Amino acid sequence: TVALVGPSGGGKTTLVKLLLRLYDPLSGCILVDGHDIRSLRLESLRRNVAVVSQDITLFAGTVAENIGYRDLVRGVDLERVRLAAKTANADEFISSLPQGYETYIG
């Protein structure tokens, strides 16, 4: 496990965006275990990285889609979404929404 901590403006967000390939470096390369991350499948790369942001971002979609956004290409696995919500102690609240996990937000 690796945590990035530091002062505001220190480049933490930029580094995470580069690691997740939200954009690529203008020069040079980023290596993971000696492999340029541009040669890795995005799905494989992102499956192995977790980001805990201070900012809240809600995407236009359902609660389930917002929790399981990593899986939107393959389809959201509702069992995994519910497990994540239960782990975060959010299942009871989400279930009380008008359409539960299918409530549109964002």
N, C-alpha and C. Protein backbone atom coordinates (compact mmCIF):
# COMPACT_ATOMS: atom_id res chain seq x y z
N THR A 1 0.84 -1.18 0.00
CA THR A 1 0.00 0.00 0.00
C THR A 1 0.88 1.24 0.00
N VAL A 2 0.52 2.18 -0.83
CA VAL A 2 1.25 3.45 -0.92
C VAL A 2 0.25 4.58 -0.73
N ALA A 3 0.62 5.56 0.06
CA ALA A 3 -0.22 6.75 0.25
C ALA A 3 0.57 7.96 -0.19
N LEU A 4 -0.08 8.87 -0.90
CA LEU A 4 0.54 10.12 -1.31
C LEU A 4 0.05 11.22 -0.39
N VAL A 5 0.95 11.82 0.34
CA VAL A 5 0.60 12.92 1.23
C VAL A 5 1.56 14.07 0.99
N GLY A 6 1.10 15.27 1.25
CA GLY A 6 1.96 16.43 1.08
C GLY A 6 1.15 17.70 1.06
N PRO A 7 1.84 18.81 0.97
CA PRO A 7 1.15 20.11 1.01
C PRO A 7 0.32 20.35 -0.25
N SER A 8 -0.62 21.25 -0.13
CA SER A 8 -1.42 21.67 -1.26
C SER A 8 -0.50 22.19 -2.36
N GLY A 9 -0.75 21.77 -3.59
CA GLY A 9 0.07 22.23 -4.71
C GLY A 9 1.34 21.43 -4.90
N GLY A 10 1.50 20.35 -4.15
CA GLY A 10 2.71 19.55 -4.22
C GLY A 10 2.76 18.55 -5.37
N GLY A 11 1.66 18.40 -6.11
CA GLY A 11 1.66 17.52 -7.27
C GLY A 11 1.00 16.16 -7.06
N LYS A 12 0.36 15.95 -5.92
CA LYS A 12 -0.27 14.66 -5.63
C LYS A 12 -1.34 14.33 -6.67
N THR A 13 -2.22 15.27 -6.94
CA THR A 13 -3.30 15.04 -7.91
C THR A 13 -2.74 14.80 -9.30
N THR A 14 -1.74 15.56 -9.68
CA THR A 14 -1.11 15.37 -11.00
C THR A 14 -0.51 13.98 -11.10
N LEU A 15 0.18 13.54 -10.07
CA LEU A 15 0.79 12.21 -10.08
C LEU A 15 -0.27 11.12 -10.21
N VAL A 16 -1.35 11.24 -9.46
CA VAL A 16 -2.42 10.24 -9.54
C VAL A 16 -3.04 10.23 -10.93
N LYS A 17 -3.27 11.40 -11.51
CA LYS A 17 -3.84 11.45 -12.86
C LYS A 17 -2.90 10.82 -13.88
N LEU A 18 -1.62 11.00 -13.70
CA LEU A 18 -0.65 10.36 -14.59
C LEU A 18 -0.63 8.84 -14.38
N LEU A 19 -0.67 8.40 -13.12
CA LEU A 19 -0.65 6.97 -12.83
C LEU A 19 -1.89 6.27 -13.38
N LEU A 20 -3.03 6.95 -13.34
CA LEU A 20 -4.27 6.36 -13.85
C LEU A 20 -4.43 6.55 -15.35
N ARG A 21 -3.47 7.23 -15.96
CA ARG A 21 -3.47 7.53 -17.39
C ARG A 21 -4.68 8.35 -17.80
N LEU A 22 -5.08 9.27 -16.92
CA LEU A 22 -6.10 10.23 -17.31
C LEU A 22 -5.49 11.20 -18.30
N TYR A 23 -4.17 11.34 -18.22
CA TYR A 23 -3.38 11.95 -19.29
C TYR A 23 -1.97 11.39 -19.21
N ASP A 24 -1.28 11.46 -20.33
CA ASP A 24 0.08 10.91 -20.42
C ASP A 24 1.10 12.03 -20.29
N PRO A 25 2.30 11.69 -19.81
CA PRO A 25 3.35 12.71 -19.69
C PRO A 25 3.73 13.27 -21.06
N LEU A 26 4.08 14.55 -21.09
CA LEU A 26 4.50 15.18 -22.34
C LEU A 26 5.89 14.70 -22.76
N SER A 27 6.69 14.30 -21.79
CA SER A 27 8.01 13.73 -22.11
C SER A 27 8.33 12.68 -21.06
N GLY A 28 9.22 11.77 -21.42
CA GLY A 28 9.58 10.70 -20.50
C GLY A 28 8.49 9.65 -20.41
N CYS A 29 8.61 8.78 -19.42
CA CYS A 29 7.62 7.73 -19.24
C CYS A 29 7.51 7.37 -17.76
N ILE A 30 6.46 6.69 -17.42
CA ILE A 30 6.24 6.21 -16.06
C ILE A 30 6.34 4.70 -16.11
N LEU A 31 7.20 4.15 -15.27
CA LEU A 31 7.41 2.71 -15.24
C LEU A 31 6.79 2.10 -13.99
N VAL A 32 6.15 0.96 -14.15
CA VAL A 32 5.66 0.15 -13.05
C VAL A 32 6.27 -1.22 -13.22
N ASP A 33 7.07 -1.64 -12.25
CA ASP A 33 7.82 -2.90 -12.36
C ASP A 33 8.61 -2.97 -13.66
N GLY A 34 9.16 -1.85 -14.09
CA GLY A 34 9.99 -1.81 -15.28
C GLY A 34 9.23 -1.73 -16.59
N HIS A 35 7.90 -1.64 -16.53
CA HIS A 35 7.08 -1.58 -17.75
C HIS A 35 6.46 -0.20 -17.88
N ASP A 36 6.56 0.36 -19.07
CA ASP A 36 5.92 1.64 -19.37
C ASP A 36 4.41 1.46 -19.20
N ILE A 37 3.78 2.30 -18.40
CA ILE A 37 2.35 2.11 -18.15
C ILE A 37 1.50 2.30 -19.40
N ARG A 38 2.06 2.92 -20.42
CA ARG A 38 1.31 3.05 -21.68
C ARG A 38 1.13 1.70 -22.37
N SER A 39 1.95 0.70 -21.98
CA SER A 39 1.83 -0.63 -22.58
C SER A 39 0.84 -1.51 -21.82
N LEU A 40 0.35 -1.03 -20.68
CA LEU A 40 -0.61 -1.79 -19.88
C LEU A 40 -2.03 -1.48 -20.31
N ARG A 41 -2.91 -2.47 -20.21
CA ARG A 41 -4.32 -2.23 -20.50
C ARG A 41 -4.89 -1.31 -19.42
N LEU A 42 -5.64 -0.30 -19.83
CA LEU A 42 -6.22 0.64 -18.87
C LEU A 42 -7.02 -0.07 -17.79
N GLU A 43 -7.81 -1.05 -18.20
CA GLU A 43 -8.63 -1.78 -17.23
C GLU A 43 -7.77 -2.45 -16.17
N SER A 44 -6.68 -3.08 -16.59
CA SER A 44 -5.78 -3.75 -15.64
C SER A 44 -5.12 -2.74 -14.72
N LEU A 45 -4.67 -1.65 -15.28
CA LEU A 45 -4.00 -0.62 -14.49
C LEU A 45 -4.95 -0.04 -13.45
N ARG A 46 -6.13 0.35 -13.88
CA ARG A 46 -7.07 1.02 -12.98
C ARG A 46 -7.70 0.07 -11.97
N ARG A 47 -7.76 -1.21 -12.30
CA ARG A 47 -8.31 -2.19 -11.37
C ARG A 47 -7.44 -2.31 -10.12
N ASN A 48 -6.17 -1.96 -10.23
CA ASN A 48 -5.23 -2.14 -9.14
C ASN A 48 -4.88 -0.85 -8.41
N VAL A 49 -5.62 0.21 -8.68
CA VAL A 49 -5.36 1.50 -8.04
C VAL A 49 -6.66 2.00 -7.40
N ALA A 50 -6.58 2.42 -6.17
CA ALA A 50 -7.74 3.02 -5.49
C ALA A 50 -7.40 4.47 -5.17
N VAL A 51 -8.35 5.34 -5.35
CA VAL A 51 -8.15 6.76 -5.07
C VAL A 51 -9.19 7.20 -4.05
N VAL A 52 -8.73 7.85 -3.01
CA VAL A 52 -9.62 8.44 -2.02
C VAL A 52 -9.42 9.94 -2.12
N SER A 53 -10.40 10.60 -2.69
CA SER A 53 -10.30 12.03 -2.94
C SER A 53 -10.98 12.82 -1.83
N GLN A 54 -10.53 14.04 -1.65
CA GLN A 54 -11.20 14.94 -0.72
C GLN A 54 -12.43 15.56 -1.36
N ASP A 55 -12.47 15.56 -2.66
CA ASP A 55 -13.58 16.17 -3.40
C ASP A 55 -14.63 15.12 -3.73
N ILE A 56 -15.87 15.54 -3.76
CA ILE A 56 -16.96 14.65 -4.12
C ILE A 56 -17.31 14.91 -5.57
N THR A 57 -17.32 13.87 -6.36
CA THR A 57 -17.74 13.97 -7.75
C THR A 57 -18.87 12.98 -7.97
N LEU A 58 -20.00 13.48 -8.41
CA LEU A 58 -21.11 12.61 -8.77
C LEU A 58 -21.29 12.66 -10.27
N PHE A 59 -21.30 11.50 -10.89
CA PHE A 59 -21.51 11.41 -12.32
C PHE A 59 -23.01 11.33 -12.59
N ALA A 60 -23.44 11.82 -13.74
CA ALA A 60 -24.84 11.71 -14.12
C ALA A 60 -25.16 10.23 -14.31
N GLY A 61 -25.96 9.69 -13.44
CA GLY A 61 -26.30 8.27 -13.50
C GLY A 61 -26.90 7.84 -12.18
N THR A 62 -27.02 6.55 -11.99
CA THR A 62 -27.62 6.02 -10.77
C THR A 62 -26.59 5.93 -9.65
N VAL A 63 -27.09 5.70 -8.44
CA VAL A 63 -26.20 5.48 -7.31
C VAL A 63 -25.29 4.29 -7.61
N ALA A 64 -25.86 3.21 -8.12
CA ALA A 64 -25.07 2.01 -8.44
C ALA A 64 -23.98 2.32 -9.46
N GLU A 65 -24.29 3.11 -10.49
CA GLU A 65 -23.29 3.46 -11.50
C GLU A 65 -22.19 4.32 -10.90
N ASN A 66 -22.54 5.20 -9.98
CA ASN A 66 -21.53 6.05 -9.35
C ASN A 66 -20.60 5.24 -8.46
N ILE A 67 -21.13 4.25 -7.77
CA ILE A 67 -20.28 3.41 -6.92
C ILE A 67 -19.45 2.47 -7.78
N GLY A 68 -20.05 1.91 -8.81
CA GLY A 68 -19.35 0.93 -9.65
C GLY A 68 -18.83 1.48 -10.95
N TYR A 69 -18.47 2.78 -10.99
CA TYR A 69 -18.10 3.41 -12.26
C TYR A 69 -16.92 2.74 -12.94
N ARG A 70 -16.08 2.06 -12.20
CA ARG A 70 -14.94 1.35 -12.79
C ARG A 70 -15.42 0.27 -13.77
N ASP A 71 -16.61 -0.27 -13.51
CA ASP A 71 -17.11 -1.39 -14.30
C ASP A 71 -18.12 -0.99 -15.37
N LEU A 72 -18.25 0.31 -15.66
CA LEU A 72 -19.28 0.74 -16.61
C LEU A 72 -19.11 0.10 -17.99
N VAL A 73 -17.88 -0.16 -18.41
CA VAL A 73 -17.66 -0.74 -19.73
C VAL A 73 -18.21 -2.16 -19.78
N ARG A 74 -17.96 -2.94 -18.73
CA ARG A 74 -18.40 -4.33 -18.68
C ARG A 74 -19.79 -4.49 -18.09
N GLY A 75 -20.26 -3.49 -17.42
CA GLY A 75 -21.54 -3.57 -16.72
C GLY A 75 -21.31 -3.61 -15.22
N VAL A 76 -22.10 -2.85 -14.51
CA VAL A 76 -21.95 -2.74 -13.07
C VAL A 76 -22.45 -4.03 -12.40
N ASP A 77 -21.63 -4.59 -11.53
CA ASP A 77 -21.98 -5.79 -10.77
C ASP A 77 -22.65 -5.33 -9.48
N LEU A 78 -23.97 -5.46 -9.40
CA LEU A 78 -24.72 -4.94 -8.26
C LEU A 78 -24.30 -5.60 -6.94
N GLU A 79 -23.90 -6.86 -6.98
CA GLU A 79 -23.42 -7.51 -5.75
C GLU A 79 -22.19 -6.82 -5.21
N ARG A 80 -21.26 -6.49 -6.10
CA ARG A 80 -20.03 -5.80 -5.68
C ARG A 80 -20.35 -4.39 -5.20
N VAL A 81 -21.29 -3.73 -5.87
CA VAL A 81 -21.69 -2.38 -5.47
C VAL A 81 -22.29 -2.43 -4.06
N ARG A 82 -23.18 -3.38 -3.81
CA ARG A 82 -23.80 -3.51 -2.49
C ARG A 82 -22.75 -3.83 -1.42
N LEU A 83 -21.80 -4.69 -1.74
CA LEU A 83 -20.74 -5.02 -0.79
C LEU A 83 -19.93 -3.77 -0.44
N ALA A 84 -19.60 -2.97 -1.47
CA ALA A 84 -18.85 -1.73 -1.23
C ALA A 84 -19.66 -0.78 -0.35
N ALA A 85 -20.96 -0.66 -0.63
CA ALA A 85 -21.81 0.23 0.15
C ALA A 85 -21.93 -0.26 1.59
N LYS A 86 -22.06 -1.56 1.77
CA LYS A 86 -22.14 -2.12 3.13
C LYS A 86 -20.83 -1.88 3.88
N THR A 87 -19.72 -2.05 3.20
CA THR A 87 -18.41 -1.82 3.81
C THR A 87 -18.27 -0.37 4.26
N ALA A 88 -18.85 0.54 3.48
CA ALA A 88 -18.78 1.98 3.79
C ALA A 88 -19.93 2.43 4.69
N ASN A 89 -20.71 1.46 5.19
CA ASN A 89 -21.88 1.77 6.03
C ASN A 89 -22.88 2.69 5.33
N ALA A 90 -23.05 2.51 4.02
CA ALA A 90 -23.96 3.36 3.25
C ALA A 90 -25.17 2.61 2.73
N ASP A 91 -25.20 1.28 2.87
CA ASP A 91 -26.27 0.47 2.29
C ASP A 91 -27.65 0.86 2.83
N GLU A 92 -27.77 1.07 4.12
CA GLU A 92 -29.06 1.41 4.71
C GLU A 92 -29.59 2.73 4.16
N PHE A 93 -28.70 3.72 4.06
CA PHE A 93 -29.11 5.02 3.51
C PHE A 93 -29.51 4.88 2.05
N ILE A 94 -28.69 4.19 1.26
CA ILE A 94 -28.98 4.04 -0.17
C ILE A 94 -30.29 3.30 -0.37
N SER A 95 -30.51 2.26 0.41
CA SER A 95 -31.75 1.48 0.29
C SER A 95 -32.98 2.31 0.63
N SER A 96 -32.82 3.36 1.43
CA SER A 96 -33.95 4.21 1.80
C SER A 96 -34.29 5.26 0.74
N LEU A 97 -33.45 5.40 -0.28
CA LEU A 97 -33.71 6.36 -1.36
C LEU A 97 -34.92 5.88 -2.18
N PRO A 98 -35.58 6.78 -2.91
CA PRO A 98 -36.80 6.42 -3.65
C PRO A 98 -36.67 5.16 -4.52
N GLN A 99 -35.59 5.04 -5.27
CA GLN A 99 -35.37 3.85 -6.10
C GLN A 99 -34.13 3.08 -5.64
N GLY A 100 -33.73 3.26 -4.41
CA GLY A 100 -32.57 2.55 -3.88
C GLY A 100 -31.33 2.79 -4.73
N TYR A 101 -30.67 1.72 -5.11
CA TYR A 101 -29.44 1.82 -5.89
C TYR A 101 -29.69 2.34 -7.31
N GLU A 102 -30.92 2.30 -7.75
CA GLU A 102 -31.26 2.79 -9.10
C GLU A 102 -31.73 4.25 -9.08
N THR A 103 -31.60 4.92 -7.94
CA THR A 103 -31.95 6.34 -7.85
C THR A 103 -30.97 7.15 -8.69
N TYR A 104 -31.50 8.01 -9.54
CA TYR A 104 -30.67 8.85 -10.41
C TYR A 104 -30.09 10.02 -9.61
N ILE A 105 -28.78 10.22 -9.72
CA ILE A 105 -28.09 11.33 -9.05
C ILE A 105 -27.13 11.96 -10.03
N GLY A 106 -26.50 13.05 -9.64
CA GLY A 106 -25.44 13.65 -10.43
C GLY A 106 -25.83 14.71 -11.36
